[in-house]
PDB file of N, CA and C in Angstrom:
ATOM      1  N   MET A   1       8.635 -22.795   5.267  1.00  0.00           N
ATOM      2  CA  MET A   1       7.842 -22.310   5.834  1.00  0.00           C
ATOM      3  C   MET A   1       6.550 -21.238   4.717  1.00  0.00           C
ATOM      4  N   SER A   2       5.716 -21.306   5.241  1.00  0.00           N
ATOM      5  CA  SER A   2       4.781 -20.328   4.460  1.00  0.00           C
ATOM      6  C   SER A   2       3.581 -19.589   4.662  1.00  0.00           C
ATOM      7  N   VAL A   3       3.200 -18.732   4.551  1.00  0.00           N
ATOM      8  CA  VAL A   3       2.398 -17.976   4.714  1.00  0.00           C
ATOM      9  C   VAL A   3       0.848 -17.638   3.528  1.00  0.00           C
ATOM     10  N   GLU A   4      -0.296 -18.312   4.184  1.00  0.00           N
ATOM     11  CA  GLU A   4      -1.369 -18.561   3.199  1.00  0.00           C
ATOM     12  C   GLU A   4      -1.109 -17.357   3.674  1.00  0.00           C
ATOM     13  N   ILE A   5      -2.361 -16.629   2.504  1.00  0.00           N
ATOM     14  CA  ILE A   5      -3.121 -15.380   2.209  1.00  0.00           C
ATOM     15  C   ILE A   5      -4.563 -15.774   1.724  1.00  0.00           C
ATOM     16  N   LYS A   6      -4.929 -15.732   2.901  1.00  0.00           N
ATOM     17  CA  LYS A   6      -6.609 -15.736   2.375  1.00  0.00           C
ATOM     18  C   LYS A   6      -7.323 -14.223   1.931  1.00  0.00           C
ATOM     19  N   ASN A   7      -8.600 -14.531   1.330  1.00  0.00           N
ATOM     20  CA  ASN A   7      -9.529 -13.571   0.771  1.00  0.00           C
ATOM     21  C   ASN A   7     -10.888 -13.966   1.602  1.00  0.00           C
ATOM     22  N   LEU A   8     -11.761 -12.888   2.010  1.00  0.00           N
ATOM     23  CA  LEU A   8     -12.519 -12.320   2.947  1.00  0.00           C
ATOM     24  C   LEU A   8     -13.786 -13.843   3.313  1.00  0.00           C
ATOM     25  N   ASP A   9     -14.174 -14.429   1.907  1.00  0.00           N
ATOM     26  CA  ASP A   9     -14.244 -15.495   2.143  1.00  0.00           C
ATOM     27  C   ASP A   9     -13.700 -16.789   2.739  1.00  0.00           C
ATOM     28  N   GLY A  10     -13.001 -16.858   3.144  1.00  0.00           N
ATOM     29  CA  GLY A  10     -11.349 -17.561   4.128  1.00  0.00           C
ATOM     30  C   GLY A  10     -10.901 -18.934   2.210  1.00  0.00           C
ATOM     31  N   GLU A  11     -10.988 -18.566   1.294  1.00  0.00           N
ATOM     32  CA  GLU A  11     -10.226 -19.103   0.103  1.00  0.00           C
ATOM     33  C   GLU A  11      -9.126 -18.840   0.246  1.00  0.00           C
ATOM     34  N   VAL A  12      -7.962 -19.522  -0.296  1.00  0.00           N
ATOM     35  CA  VAL A  12      -6.620 -18.956  -0.043  1.00  0.00           C
ATOM     36  C   VAL A  12      -6.217 -18.517  -1.492  1.00  0.00           C
ATOM     37  N   VAL A  13      -6.049 -17.403  -1.627  1.00  0.00           N
ATOM     38  CA  VAL A  13      -5.873 -16.546  -3.072  1.00  0.00           C
ATOM     39  C   VAL A  13      -4.373 -16.420  -2.985  1.00  0.00           C
ATOM     40  N   PHE A  14      -3.372 -16.666  -2.429  1.00  0.00           N
ATOM     41  CA  PHE A  14      -1.796 -16.414  -2.186  1.00  0.00           C
ATOM     42  C   PHE A  14      -1.097 -17.005  -0.895  1.00  0.00           C
ATOM     43  N   VAL A  15       0.176 -17.995  -1.738  1.00  0.00           N
ATOM     44  CA  VAL A  15       0.831 -18.441  -0.769  1.00  0.00           C
ATOM     45  C   VAL A  15       1.766 -17.971  -0.979  1.00  0.00           C
ATOM     46  N   PHE A  16       2.684 -16.857   0.179  1.00  0.00           N
ATOM     47  CA  PHE A  16       3.682 -16.653   0.333  1.00  0.00           C
ATOM     48  C   PHE A  16       5.139 -17.286   0.712  1.00  0.00           C
ATOM     49  N   PRO A  17       5.827 -17.394   0.557  1.00  0.00           N
ATOM     50  CA  PRO A  17       7.079 -18.419   1.063  1.00  0.00           C
ATOM     51  C   PRO A  17       7.898 -17.668   2.082  1.00  0.00           C
ATOM     52  N   GLY A  18       7.610 -17.318   2.959  1.00  0.00           N
ATOM     53  CA  GLY A  18       8.523 -17.235   4.266  1.00  0.00           C
ATOM     54  C   GLY A  18       7.689 -17.461   5.540  1.00  0.00           C
ATOM     55  N   ASP A  19       8.184 -17.291   6.221  1.00  0.00           N
ATOM     56  CA  ASP A  19       7.898 -17.125   7.811  1.00  0.00           C
ATOM     57  C   ASP A  19       6.761 -16.113   8.217  1.00  0.00           C
ATOM     58  N   SER A  20       6.848 -15.081   7.411  1.00  0.00           N
ATOM     59  CA  SER A  20       5.753 -14.314   8.227  1.00  0.00           C
ATOM     60  C   SER A  20       5.762 -12.998   6.830  1.00  0.00           C
ATOM     61  N   LEU A  21       4.542 -11.862   6.979  1.00  0.00           N
ATOM     62  CA  LEU A  21       4.327 -10.969   6.245  1.00  0.00           C
ATOM     63  C   LEU A  21       5.494  -9.545   6.614  1.00  0.00           C
ATOM     64  N   VAL A  22       6.051  -9.120   7.448  1.00  0.00           N
ATOM     65  CA  VAL A  22       7.172  -8.885   7.543  1.00  0.00           C
ATOM     66  C   VAL A  22       8.109  -8.732   6.935  1.00  0.00           C
ATOM     67  N   GLU A  23       8.786  -7.333   5.867  1.00  0.00           N
ATOM     68  CA  GLU A  23       9.136  -7.707   4.915  1.00  0.00           C
ATOM     69  C   GLU A  23       8.864  -7.666   3.930  1.00  0.00           C
ATOM     70  N   ALA A  24       7.550  -8.340   3.641  1.00  0.00           N
ATOM     71  CA  ALA A  24       7.488  -9.116   2.580  1.00  0.00           C
ATOM     72  C   ALA A  24       7.139  -8.420   1.442  1.00  0.00           C
ATOM     73  N   ASN A  25       7.847  -9.324   0.129  1.00  0.00           N
ATOM     74  CA  ASN A  25       7.654  -8.050  -1.045  1.00  0.00           C
ATOM     75  C   ASN A  25       6.375  -9.294  -2.158  1.00  0.00           C
ATOM     76  N   LEU A  26       5.089  -8.283  -1.931  1.00  0.00           N
ATOM     77  CA  LEU A  26       3.922  -8.728  -2.498  1.00  0.00           C
ATOM     78  C   LEU A  26       3.833  -7.444  -3.854  1.00  0.00           C
ATOM     79  N   SER A  27       4.838  -6.909  -4.072  1.00  0.00           N
ATOM     80  CA  SER A  27       4.772  -5.245  -5.230  1.00  0.00           C
ATOM     81  C   SER A  27       3.984  -6.266  -6.310  1.00  0.00           C
ATOM     82  N   ASN A  28       3.057  -5.232  -6.608  1.00  0.00           N
ATOM     83  CA  ASN A  28       2.577  -5.827  -8.407  1.00  0.00           C
ATOM     84  C   ASN A  28       1.667  -7.206  -8.120  1.00  0.00           C
ATOM     85  N   ASN A  29       1.749  -7.584  -7.366  1.00  0.00           N
ATOM     86  CA  ASN A  29       0.423  -8.883  -7.058  1.00  0.00           C
ATOM     87  C   ASN A  29      -0.591  -8.688  -7.315  1.00  0.00           C
ATOM     88  N   LYS A  30      -1.341  -9.492  -8.532  1.00  0.00           N
ATOM     89  CA  LYS A  30      -2.564  -9.527  -9.012  1.00  0.00           C
ATOM     90  C   LYS A  30      -3.452 -10.289  -8.251  1.00  0.00           C
ATOM     91  N   ASN A  31      -3.364 -10.842  -7.050  1.00  0.00           N
ATOM     92  CA  ASN A  31      -4.358 -11.842  -6.104  1.00  0.00           C
ATOM     93  C   ASN A  31      -4.674 -11.184  -5.124  1.00  0.00           C
ATOM     94  N   LEU A  32      -4.648 -10.275  -4.987  1.00  0.00           N
ATOM     95  CA  LEU A  32      -4.914  -9.451  -3.465  1.00  0.00           C
ATOM     96  C   LEU A  32      -6.480  -9.226  -3.221  1.00  0.00           C
ATOM     97  N   GLY A  33      -6.832  -8.945  -4.646  1.00  0.00           N
ATOM     98  CA  GLY A  33      -8.550  -8.718  -4.374  1.00  0.00           C
ATOM     99  C   GLY A  33      -8.971  -8.695  -2.709  1.00  0.00           C
ATOM    100  N   ARG A  34      -9.631  -8.229  -2.063  1.00  0.00           N
ATOM    101  CA  ARG A  34     -10.700  -9.162  -0.902  1.00  0.00           C
ATOM    102  C   ARG A  34      -9.870  -9.679   0.001  1.00  0.00           C
ATOM    103  N   ALA A  35      -8.065  -9.831   0.072  1.00  0.00           N
ATOM    104  CA  ALA A  35      -7.429 -10.362   0.589  1.00  0.00           C
ATOM    105  C   ALA A  35      -7.908  -9.811   2.123  1.00  0.00           C
ATOM    106  N   ASP A  36      -7.463 -10.794   3.414  1.00  0.00           N
ATOM    107  CA  ASP A  36      -8.085 -10.663   4.531  1.00  0.00           C
ATOM    108  C   ASP A  36      -6.719 -10.553   5.531  1.00  0.00           C
ATOM    109  N   PHE A  37      -6.424  -9.306   5.655  1.00  0.00           N
ATOM    110  CA  PHE A  37      -4.878  -8.847   6.557  1.00  0.00           C
ATOM    111  C   PHE A  37      -5.227  -8.929   7.591  1.00  0.00           C
ATOM    112  N   ARG A  38      -6.720  -8.511   7.828  1.00  0.00           N
ATOM    113  CA  ARG A  38      -6.925  -7.821   9.600  1.00  0.00           C
ATOM    114  C   ARG A  38      -5.807  -8.727  10.659  1.00  0.00           C
ATOM    115  N   GLY A  39      -4.957  -7.457  11.412  1.00  0.00           N
ATOM    116  CA  GLY A  39      -4.513  -8.053  12.482  1.00  0.00           C
ATOM    117  C   GLY A  39      -3.112  -8.398  12.187  1.00  0.00           C
ATOM    118  N   GLN A  40      -2.609  -8.501  11.068  1.00  0.00           N
ATOM    119  CA  GLN A  40      -1.335  -9.374  10.745  1.00  0.00           C
ATOM    120  C   GLN A  40      -0.169  -8.392  10.791  1.00  0.00           C
ATOM    121  N   ASP A  41       1.270  -8.713  11.289  1.00  0.00           N
ATOM    122  CA  ASP A  41       1.810  -8.072  11.250  1.00  0.00           C
ATOM    123  C   ASP A  41       2.846  -8.101  10.007  1.00  0.00           C
ATOM    124  N   MET A  42       2.390  -6.624   9.072  1.00  0.00           N
ATOM    125  CA  MET A  42       2.866  -6.657   7.701  1.00  0.00           C
ATOM    126  C   MET A  42       4.218  -4.999   7.676  1.00  0.00           C
ATOM    127  N   ARG A  43       4.754  -4.842   9.086  1.00  0.00           N
ATOM    128  CA  ARG A  43       5.953  -4.107   8.994  1.00  0.00           C
ATOM    129  C   ARG A  43       6.804  -3.989   8.082  1.00  0.00           C
ATOM    130  N   ASN A  44       6.715  -3.001   7.286  1.00  0.00           N
ATOM    131  CA  ASN A  44       7.843  -3.198   6.215  1.00  0.00           C
ATOM    132  C   ASN A  44       7.625  -3.736   5.263  1.00  0.00           C
ATOM    133  N   VAL A  45       6.345  -4.048   4.573  1.00  0.00           N
ATOM    134  CA  VAL A  45       5.644  -4.720   3.653  1.00  0.00           C
ATOM    135  C   VAL A  45       6.117  -4.212   2.255  1.00  0.00           C
ATOM    136  N   ASN A  46       6.379  -4.649   1.168  1.00  0.00           N
ATOM    137  CA  ASN A  46       6.244  -3.793  -0.220  1.00  0.00           C
ATOM    138  C   ASN A  46       4.526  -4.476  -0.769  1.00  0.00           C
ATOM    139  N   LEU A  47       4.048  -3.523  -0.860  1.00  0.00           N
ATOM    140  CA  LEU A  47       2.716  -4.008  -1.612  1.00  0.00           C
ATOM    141  C   LEU A  47       3.254  -3.118  -2.910  1.00  0.00           C
ATOM    142  N   GLY A  48       3.526  -2.227  -3.380  1.00  0.00           N
ATOM    143  CA  GLY A  48       3.568  -1.034  -4.159  1.00  0.00           C
ATOM    144  C   GLY A  48       3.425  -1.902  -5.808  1.00  0.00           C
ATOM    145  N   GLY A  49       2.104  -1.088  -6.200  1.00  0.00           N
ATOM    146  CA  GLY A  49       1.664  -1.480  -7.489  1.00  0.00           C
ATOM    147  C   GLY A  49       0.149  -2.622  -7.492  1.00  0.00           C
ATOM    148  N   ALA A  50       0.642  -3.296  -5.671  1.00  0.00           N
ATOM    149  CA  ALA A  50      -0.531  -4.381  -5.644  1.00  0.00           C
ATOM    150  C   ALA A  50      -2.016  -4.271  -5.872  1.00  0.00           C
ATOM    151  N   HIS A  51      -2.682  -5.360  -6.257  1.00  0.00           N
ATOM    152  CA  HIS A  51      -4.132  -4.965  -6.492  1.00  0.00           C
ATOM    153  C   HIS A  51      -4.552  -5.572  -5.580  1.00  0.00           C
ATOM    154  N   CYS A  52      -5.004  -4.826  -4.170  1.00  0.00           N
ATOM    155  CA  CYS A  52      -5.298  -4.776  -3.045  1.00  0.00           C
ATOM    156  C   CYS A  52      -6.834  -4.489  -3.273  1.00  0.00           C
ATOM    157  N   ARG A  53      -8.002  -4.405  -4.031  1.00  0.00           N
ATOM    158  CA  ARG A  53      -9.372  -3.717  -3.976  1.00  0.00           C
ATOM    159  C   ARG A  53     -10.194  -4.708  -2.920  1.00  0.00           C
ATOM    160  N   GLY A  54     -10.586  -4.068  -2.332  1.00  0.00           N
ATOM    161  CA  GLY A  54     -11.362  -4.997  -1.236  1.00  0.00           C
ATOM    162  C   GLY A  54     -10.655  -5.612  -0.311  1.00  0.00           C
ATOM    163  N   ALA A  55      -9.597  -5.417  -0.322  1.00  0.00           N
ATOM    164  CA  ALA A  55      -8.652  -6.191   1.092  1.00  0.00           C
ATOM    165  C   ALA A  55      -9.302  -5.477   2.650  1.00  0.00           C
ATOM    166  N   ASP A  56      -8.650  -6.564   3.395  1.00  0.00           N
ATOM    167  CA  ASP A  56      -9.278  -5.574   5.032  1.00  0.00           C
ATOM    168  C   ASP A  56      -7.814  -5.503   5.353  1.00  0.00           C
ATOM    169  N   PHE A  57      -7.376  -4.535   5.829  1.00  0.00           N
ATOM    170  CA  PHE A  57      -6.037  -4.425   6.466  1.00  0.00           C
ATOM    171  C   PHE A  57      -6.397  -3.953   7.973  1.00  0.00           C
ATOM    172  N   SER A  58      -7.481  -3.775   8.648  1.00  0.00           N
ATOM    173  CA  SER A  58      -8.023  -3.459   9.665  1.00  0.00           C
ATOM    174  C   SER A  58      -7.383  -3.975  10.995  1.00  0.00           C
ATOM    175  N   GLY A  59      -6.749  -3.235  11.816  1.00  0.00           N
ATOM    176  CA  GLY A  59      -5.827  -3.611  13.029  1.00  0.00           C
ATOM    177  C   GLY A  59      -4.422  -4.059  12.146  1.00  0.00           C
ATOM    178  N   ALA A  60      -3.491  -3.627  11.260  1.00  0.00           N
ATOM    179  CA  ALA A  60      -3.074  -4.341  11.170  1.00  0.00           C
ATOM    180  C   ALA A  60      -1.232  -3.509  11.195  1.00  0.00           C
ATOM    181  N   ASP A  61      -0.374  -3.886  11.817  1.00  0.00           N
ATOM    182  CA  ASP A  61       0.398  -3.091  11.188  1.00  0.00           C
ATOM    183  C   ASP A  61       1.437  -3.538  10.575  1.00  0.00           C
ATOM    184  N   MET A  62       1.284  -2.309  10.024  1.00  0.00           N
ATOM    185  CA  MET A  62       1.995  -1.735   8.025  1.00  0.00           C
ATOM    186  C   MET A  62       2.888  -0.713   8.274  1.00  0.00           C
ATOM    187  N   SER A  63       3.533  -0.254   9.724  1.00  0.00           N
ATOM    188  CA  SER A  63       4.557   0.771   9.859  1.00  0.00           C
ATOM    189  C   SER A  63       5.964   0.523   9.261  1.00  0.00           C
ATOM    190  N   GLY A  64       6.561   1.322   9.404  1.00  0.00           N
ATOM    191  CA  GLY A  64       8.066   1.095   8.983  1.00  0.00           C
ATOM    192  C   GLY A  64       8.594   1.885   7.350  1.00  0.00           C
ATOM    193  N   GLN A  65       9.643   2.933   7.770  1.00  0.00           N
ATOM    194  CA  GLN A  65      10.092   3.100   6.783  1.00  0.00           C
ATOM    195  C   GLN A  65      10.230   2.671   5.600  1.00  0.00           C
ATOM    196  N   LYS A  66      10.086   1.008   5.350  1.00  0.00           N
ATOM    197  CA  LYS A  66      10.604   0.449   4.361  1.00  0.00           C
ATOM    198  C   LYS A  66       8.768  -0.015   3.657  1.00  0.00           C
ATOM    199  N   THR A  67       8.171   0.137   4.131  1.00  0.00           N
ATOM    200  CA  THR A  67       6.493  -0.097   3.620  1.00  0.00           C
ATOM    201  C   THR A  67       6.197   1.082   2.965  1.00  0.00           C
ATOM    202  N   CYS A  68       6.003  -0.012   1.689  1.00  0.00           N
ATOM    203  CA  CYS A  68       5.362   0.522   0.358  1.00  0.00           C
ATOM    204  C   CYS A  68       4.171   0.170  -0.390  1.00  0.00           C
ATOM    205  N   LEU A  69       3.727   1.555  -0.482  1.00  0.00           N
ATOM    206  CA  LEU A  69       1.995   1.288  -0.903  1.00  0.00           C
ATOM    207  C   LEU A  69       2.242   2.069  -2.311  1.00  0.00           C
ATOM    208  N   VAL A  70       3.409   2.551  -2.539  1.00  0.00           N
ATOM    209  CA  VAL A  70       3.067   3.583  -3.628  1.00  0.00           C
ATOM    210  C   VAL A  70       2.172   3.081  -4.825  1.00  0.00           C
ATOM    211  N   TYR A  71       1.385   3.294  -5.484  1.00  0.00           N
ATOM    212  CA  TYR A  71       0.701   2.866  -6.857  1.00  0.00           C
ATOM    213  C   TYR A  71      -0.002   1.818  -6.662  1.00  0.00           C
ATOM    214  N   ALA A  72      -0.664   1.381  -5.130  1.00  0.00           N
ATOM    215  CA  ALA A  72      -1.392   0.184  -4.822  1.00  0.00           C
ATOM    216  C   ALA A  72      -2.592   0.587  -4.982  1.00  0.00           C
ATOM    217  N   GLN A  73      -3.218  -0.641  -5.404  1.00  0.00           N
ATOM    218  CA  GLN A  73      -5.290  -0.378  -5.869  1.00  0.00           C
ATOM    219  C   GLN A  73      -5.519  -0.676  -4.824  1.00  0.00           C
ATOM    220  N   CYS A  74      -5.980   0.474  -4.142  1.00  0.00           N
ATOM    221  CA  CYS A  74      -6.814  -0.009  -2.922  1.00  0.00           C
ATOM    222  C   CYS A  74      -7.882   0.530  -2.821  1.00  0.00           C
ATOM    223  N   GLN A  75      -8.819   0.672  -3.846  1.00  0.00           N
ATOM    224  CA  GLN A  75     -10.197   0.518  -4.105  1.00  0.00           C
ATOM    225  C   GLN A  75     -10.692  -0.026  -2.679  1.00  0.00           C
ATOM    226  N   ASP A  76     -11.759   0.667  -2.267  1.00  0.00           N
ATOM    227  CA  ASP A  76     -12.760   0.170  -1.384  1.00  0.00           C
ATOM    228  C   ASP A  76     -12.411  -1.043  -0.241  1.00  0.00           C
ATOM    229  N   ALA A  77     -10.933  -0.792  -0.183  1.00  0.00           N
ATOM    230  CA  ALA A  77     -10.189  -1.273   0.999  1.00  0.00           C
ATOM    231  C   ALA A  77     -10.395  -0.537   2.187  1.00  0.00           C
ATOM    232  N   LYS A  78      -9.909  -2.182   3.917  1.00  0.00           N
ATOM    233  CA  LYS A  78     -10.030  -1.052   4.750  1.00  0.00           C
ATOM    234  C   LYS A  78      -9.078  -0.862   5.749  1.00  0.00           C
ATOM    235  N   PHE A  79      -8.586   0.295   6.338  1.00  0.00           N
ATOM    236  CA  PHE A  79      -7.955   0.325   6.708  1.00  0.00           C
ATOM    237  C   PHE A  79      -8.184   0.886   8.477  1.00  0.00           C
ATOM    238  N   VAL A  80      -8.910   0.147   8.637  1.00  0.00           N
ATOM    239  CA  VAL A  80      -9.582   0.976  10.218  1.00  0.00           C
ATOM    240  C   VAL A  80      -8.211   0.085  11.532  1.00  0.00           C
ATOM    241  N   GLY A  81      -8.115   1.544  12.077  1.00  0.00           N
ATOM    242  CA  GLY A  81      -6.933   1.322  13.091  1.00  0.00           C
ATOM    243  C   GLY A  81      -6.111   0.502  12.759  1.00  0.00           C
ATOM    244  N   THR A  82      -5.722   1.084  11.546  1.00  0.00           N
ATOM    245  CA  THR A  82      -4.120   0.154  11.271  1.00  0.00           C
ATOM    246  C   THR A  82      -2.947   1.126  11.234  1.00  0.00           C
ATOM    247  N   ASN A  83      -1.893   0.317  11.344  1.00  0.00           N
ATOM    248  CA  ASN A  83      -0.668   1.995  11.852  1.00  0.00           C
ATOM    249  C   ASN A  83       0.554   1.720  10.683  1.00  0.00           C
ATOM    250  N   LEU A  84      -0.208   2.730  10.447  1.00  0.00           N
ATOM    251  CA  LEU A  84       0.743   3.203   8.897  1.00  0.00           C
ATOM    252  C   LEU A  84       1.760   4.061   9.018  1.00  0.00           C
ATOM    253  N   GLU A  85       2.144   4.511  10.281  1.00  0.00           N
ATOM    254  CA  GLU A  85       3.544   5.249  10.470  1.00  0.00           C
ATOM    255  C   GLU A  85       4.296   5.062   9.659  1.00  0.00           C
ATOM    256  N   GLY A  86       5.123   5.794   8.537  1.00  0.00           N
ATOM    257  CA  GLY A  86       6.238   5.805   8.426  1.00  0.00           C
ATOM    258  C   GLY A  86       6.070   5.371   6.834  1.00  0.00           C
ATOM    259  N   ALA A  87       4.855   4.894   6.321  1.00  0.00           N
ATOM    260  CA  ALA A  87       4.734   4.352   5.252  1.00  0.00           C
ATOM    261  C   ALA A  87       4.561   4.874   3.856  1.00  0.00           C
ATOM    262  N   ASP A  88       5.469   4.513   3.055  1.00  0.00           N
ATOM    263  CA  ASP A  88       5.431   5.616   1.689  1.00  0.00           C
ATOM    264  C   ASP A  88       4.033   4.923   0.952  1.00  0.00           C
ATOM    265  N   MET A  89       2.978   6.117   0.749  1.00  0.00           N
ATOM    266  CA  MET A  89       1.873   5.754   0.168  1.00  0.00           C
ATOM    267  C   MET A  89       1.183   6.704  -0.578  1.00  0.00           C
ATOM    268  N   GLU A  90       2.434   7.108  -1.790  1.00  0.00           N
ATOM    269  CA  GLU A  90       2.389   8.008  -2.526  1.00  0.00           C
ATOM    270  C   GLU A  90       1.464   7.525  -3.811  1.00  0.00           C
ATOM    271  N   ARG A  91       0.570   8.216  -4.654  1.00  0.00           N
ATOM    272  CA  ARG A  91      -0.415   7.571  -5.018  1.00  0.00           C
ATOM    273  C   ARG A  91      -0.678   6.083  -5.226  1.00  0.00           C
ATOM    274  N   ILE A  92      -1.251   5.941  -4.021  1.00  0.00           N
ATOM    275  CA  ILE A  92      -2.091   4.840  -3.546  1.00  0.00           C
ATOM    276  C   ILE A  92      -3.431   5.506  -4.516  1.00  0.00           C
ATOM    277  N   ASN A  93      -4.236   4.458  -4.893  1.00  0.00           N
ATOM    278  CA  ASN A  93      -5.237   4.701  -5.468  1.00  0.00           C
ATOM    279  C   ASN A  93      -6.500   3.945  -3.942  1.00  0.00           C
ATOM    280  N   ILE A  94      -6.930   4.857  -3.178  1.00  0.00           N
ATOM    281  CA  ILE A  94      -7.764   4.530  -2.003  1.00  0.00           C
ATOM    282  C   ILE A  94      -9.357   5.062  -1.988  1.00  0.00           C
ATOM    283  N   CYS A  95      -9.513   5.309  -3.367  1.00  0.00           N
ATOM    284  CA  CYS A  95     -11.666   5.464  -3.938  1.00  0.00           C
ATOM    285  C   CYS A  95     -12.272   4.874  -3.230  1.00  0.00           C
ATOM    286  N   GLY A  96     -13.298   5.300  -2.068  1.00  0.00           N
ATOM    287  CA  GLY A  96     -13.842   4.327  -1.596  1.00  0.00           C
ATOM    288  C   GLY A  96     -13.631   3.617  -0.356  1.00  0.00           C
ATOM    289  N   ALA A  97     -12.399   3.644  -0.096  1.00  0.00           N
ATOM    290  CA  ALA A  97     -11.320   2.962   1.336  1.00  0.00           C
ATOM    291  C   ALA A  97     -12.089   3.522   2.743  1.00  0.00           C
ATOM    292  N   ASP A  98     -11.696   3.011   3.445  1.00  0.00           N
ATOM    293  CA  ASP A  98     -12.341   3.686   5.301  1.00  0.00           C
ATOM    294  C   ASP A  98     -11.010   3.598   5.993  1.00  0.00           C
ATOM    295  N   LEU A  99     -10.578   4.478   5.891  1.00  0.00           N
ATOM    296  CA  LEU A  99      -8.963   4.691   7.256  1.00  0.00           C
ATOM    297  C   LEU A  99      -9.771   5.550   8.099  1.00  0.00           C
ATOM    298  N   THR A 100     -10.515   5.434   8.359  1.00  0.00           N
ATOM    299  CA  THR A 100     -10.505   5.355  10.131  1.00  0.00           C
ATOM    300  C   THR A 100     -10.257   4.993  11.584  1.00  0.00           C
ATOM    301  N   GLY A 101      -9.347   6.040  11.847  1.00  0.00           N
ATOM    302  CA  GLY A 101      -9.039   5.363  13.464  1.00  0.00           C
ATOM    303  C   GLY A 101      -7.223   5.228  12.393  1.00  0.00           C
ATOM    304  N   ALA A 102      -6.866   5.399  11.394  1.00  0.00           N
ATOM    305  CA  ALA A 102      -5.753   4.537  10.789  1.00  0.00           C
ATOM    306  C   ALA A 102      -4.597   5.720  11.444  1.00  0.00           C
ATOM    307  N   ARG A 103      -3.371   5.349  12.042  1.00  0.00           N
ATOM    308  CA  ARG A 103      -2.229   5.667  12.098  1.00  0.00           C
ATOM    309  C   ARG A 103      -1.396   6.289  10.652  1.00  0.00           C
ATOM    310  N   LYS A 104      -1.157   7.574  10.733  1.00  0.00           N
ATOM    311  CA  LYS A 104      -0.562   8.033   9.495  1.00  0.00           C
ATOM    312  C   LYS A 104       0.394   8.667   9.605  1.00  0.00           C
ATOM    313  N   ASN A 105       1.090   8.854  10.816  1.00  0.00           N
ATOM    314  CA  ASN A 105       2.201   9.832  10.927  1.00  0.00           C
ATOM    315  C   ASN A 105       3.669   9.182  10.552  1.00  0.00           C
ATOM    316  N   GLY A 106       3.806  10.497  10.197  1.00  0.00           N
ATOM    317  CA  GLY A 106       5.585  10.201   9.120  1.00  0.00           C
ATOM    318  C   GLY A 106       5.364   9.754   7.735  1.00  0.00           C
ATOM    319  N   ALA A 107       3.743   9.270   7.570  1.00  0.00           N
ATOM    320  CA  ALA A 107       3.863   8.678   6.272  1.00  0.00           C
ATOM    321  C   ALA A 107       3.764   9.638   4.960  1.00  0.00           C
ATOM    322  N   ARG A 108       4.190   8.907   3.793  1.00  0.00           N
ATOM    323  CA  ARG A 108       4.358  10.042   3.274  1.00  0.00           C
ATOM    324  C   ARG A 108       3.031   9.724   1.981  1.00  0.00           C
ATOM    325  N   THR A 109       2.571  10.719   1.711  1.00  0.00           N
ATOM    326  CA  THR A 109       1.011  10.743   1.332  1.00  0.00           C
ATOM    327  C   THR A 109       0.321  11.519   0.489  1.00  0.00           C
ATOM    328  N   SER A 110       1.872  11.953  -0.785  1.00  0.00           N
ATOM    329  CA  SER A 110       1.005  13.104  -1.562  1.00  0.00           C
ATOM    330  C   SER A 110       0.599  12.516  -2.822  1.00  0.00           C
ATOM    331  N   TYR A 111       0.031  13.146  -3.562  1.00  0.00           N
ATOM    332  CA  TYR A 111      -0.812  12.577  -4.600  1.00  0.00           C
ATOM    333  C   TYR A 111      -2.096  11.540  -4.557  1.00  0.00           C
ATOM    334  N   TRP A 112      -2.256  11.465  -3.458  1.00  0.00           N
ATOM    335  CA  TRP A 112      -3.423  10.431  -3.014  1.00  0.00           C
ATOM    336  C   TRP A 112      -4.476  10.902  -4.369  1.00  0.00           C
ATOM    337  N   HIS A 113      -5.338   9.153  -4.966  1.00  0.00           N
ATOM    338  CA  HIS A 113      -6.372   9.204  -5.562  1.00  0.00           C
ATOM    339  C   HIS A 113      -7.646   8.372  -4.902  1.00  0.00           C
ATOM    340  N   TRP A 114      -8.666   9.604  -4.304  1.00  0.00           N
ATOM    341  CA  TRP A 114      -9.526   8.951  -3.386  1.00  0.00           C
ATOM    342  C   TRP A 114     -10.824   9.671  -4.123  1.00  0.00           C
ATOM    343  N   ASP A 115     -11.629   9.898  -3.226  1.00  0.00           N
ATOM    344  CA  ASP A 115     -13.118  10.321  -3.583  1.00  0.00           C
ATOM    345  C   ASP A 115     -14.137  11.363  -2.538  1.00  0.00           C
ATOM    346  N   GLU A 116     -15.081  11.065  -3.231  1.00  0.00           N
ATOM    347  CA  GLU A 116     -16.326  11.450  -1.715  1.00  0.00           C
ATOM    348  C   GLU A 116     -16.348   9.999  -0.835  1.00  0.00           C
ATOM    349  N   ASP A 117     -16.489   9.160  -1.402  1.00  0.00           N
ATOM    350  CA  ASP A 117     -17.047   7.763  -0.806  1.00  0.00           C
ATOM    351  C   ASP A 117     -15.404   7.152   0.217  1.00  0.00           C
ATOM    352  N   THR A 118     -14.378   8.134   0.524  1.00  0.00           N
ATOM    353  CA  THR A 118     -12.765   7.824   0.948  1.00  0.00           C
ATOM    354  C   THR A 118     -13.173   8.172   2.758  1.00  0.00           C
ATOM    355  N   LYS A 119     -12.909   7.247   3.030  1.00  0.00           N
ATOM    356  CA  LYS A 119     -13.429   7.988   4.894  1.00  0.00           C
ATOM    357  C   LYS A 119     -12.032   7.764   5.644  1.00  0.00           C
ATOM    358  N   PHE A 120     -11.789   9.116   6.389  1.00  0.00           N
ATOM    359  CA  PHE A 120     -10.753   9.501   7.130  1.00  0.00           C
ATOM    360  C   PHE A 120     -10.712   9.468   8.580  1.00  0.00           C
TER     361      PHE A 120
END
């Protein structure tokens, strides 16, 4: 079985060979720009170094001590209402991103790259 990851236009941009995105290794993936992850169960996902510019993670569950977003490129991404509790988000690039209502308790968030357009 596999999981199709589509962009916000509904086009398949990546096929993950697994039953779900829980504990999925998507690190350094260059195909996730504008990906639609809304409402997905992505606990303990590895997106370290992935290119997710403009992706929509709104309402997704990305919680977990093994969730990795280190060095992820998430400029202009949406994390509205996303559960990021316990996630390692050090050195993530969130310039222009929207993290309104995101739950970040216990998340490791040092050295974030953000700008005046980033919403918290």
